[in-house]
Structure formats: structure tokens, C-alpha cells
Amino acid sequence: MTDFLIATVVIACLLMSWIGVQRIVFRFAKNHPEFGPPREEGSGCGSCSTKNRCHTAC
């Protein structure tokens, strides 16, 4: 039973940490627009203007 509780707490802490990291990244991107927008996971390389053909354009 304690293993289950420990695993639950660890997973919750990891998820909250990931949300915190994302907030830090977006805050940094907002304060430093010269670096461009932050890249979203699964949306390609993020630096191309052609999102659908990013793998061939980059």
C-alpha cells in the first residue's frame, strides 16, 4: 500500500514540475521575443513557416 502511495505522490510531483517548467519557458519567451515563440511538443521543428512540410523545408 505504501508503494502505491509513494508512486502516486511521485507522479503528481513530476506532472506539477512539468507544468512549472512550461510556465517558465513561456514567461521567458514572452520577455525575450527576439528568440521566437517556444516550440510546442509534436508541432514540428517550430522554426519553419510551412508547418505541414517542415521536415522537407528545414
Protein backbone atom coordinates (compact mmCIF):
# COMPACT_ATOMS: atom_id res chain seq x y z
CA MET A 1 0.00 0.00 0.00
CA THR A 2 2.83 2.40 0.76
CA ASP A 3 4.36 1.70 -2.66
CA PHE A 4 1.12 2.79 -4.28
CA LEU A 5 1.00 6.00 -2.26
CA ILE A 6 4.64 6.80 -2.96
CA ALA A 7 4.15 6.19 -6.68
CA THR A 8 1.06 8.40 -6.71
CA VAL A 9 2.88 11.25 -4.97
CA VAL A 10 5.93 10.94 -7.23
CA ILE A 11 3.82 11.00 -10.40
CA ALA A 12 1.84 14.01 -9.16
CA CYS A 13 5.08 15.85 -8.32
CA LEU A 14 6.53 15.10 -11.76
CA LEU A 15 3.42 16.39 -13.51
CA MET A 16 3.38 19.58 -11.43
CA SER A 17 7.08 20.08 -12.13
CA TRP A 18 6.46 19.76 -15.87
CA ILE A 19 3.72 22.39 -15.69
CA GLY A 20 6.13 24.66 -13.82
CA VAL A 21 8.81 24.20 -16.48
CA GLN A 22 6.32 25.05 -19.22
CA ARG A 23 5.31 28.24 -17.41
CA ILE A 24 8.96 29.25 -17.05
CA VAL A 25 9.57 28.66 -20.76
CA PHE A 26 6.55 30.68 -21.85
CA ARG A 27 7.41 33.50 -19.46
CA PHE A 28 10.96 33.59 -20.85
CA ALA A 29 9.62 33.58 -24.43
CA LYS A 30 7.26 36.44 -23.57
CA ASN A 31 10.11 38.52 -22.12
CA HIS A 32 12.53 37.69 -24.98
CA PRO A 33 10.60 37.82 -28.29
CA GLU A 34 13.84 38.01 -30.27
CA PHE A 35 14.25 34.24 -29.82
CA GLY A 36 10.87 33.50 -31.41
CA PRO A 37 7.95 31.58 -29.99
CA PRO A 38 8.54 28.48 -27.86
CA ARG A 39 8.20 25.16 -29.64
CA GLU A 40 5.22 23.00 -28.77
CA GLU A 41 5.66 19.26 -28.50
CA GLY A 42 4.59 17.41 -31.63
CA SER A 43 4.23 20.51 -33.79
CA GLY A 44 7.34 20.11 -35.92
CA CYS A 45 10.61 21.97 -35.64
CA GLY A 46 8.93 25.29 -34.84
CA SER A 47 11.20 27.44 -36.98
CA CYS A 48 9.56 26.95 -40.37
CA SER A 49 6.77 28.99 -41.88
CA THR A 50 5.47 25.81 -43.58
CA LYS A 51 4.20 23.71 -40.71
CA ASN A 52 2.89 20.90 -42.93
CA ARG A 53 6.14 20.43 -44.86
CA CYS A 54 8.55 21.21 -42.05
CA HIS A 55 10.62 18.04 -42.43
CA THR A 56 11.50 18.93 -46.03
CA ALA A 57 11.81 22.70 -45.60
CA CYS A 58 14.15 22.75 -42.59
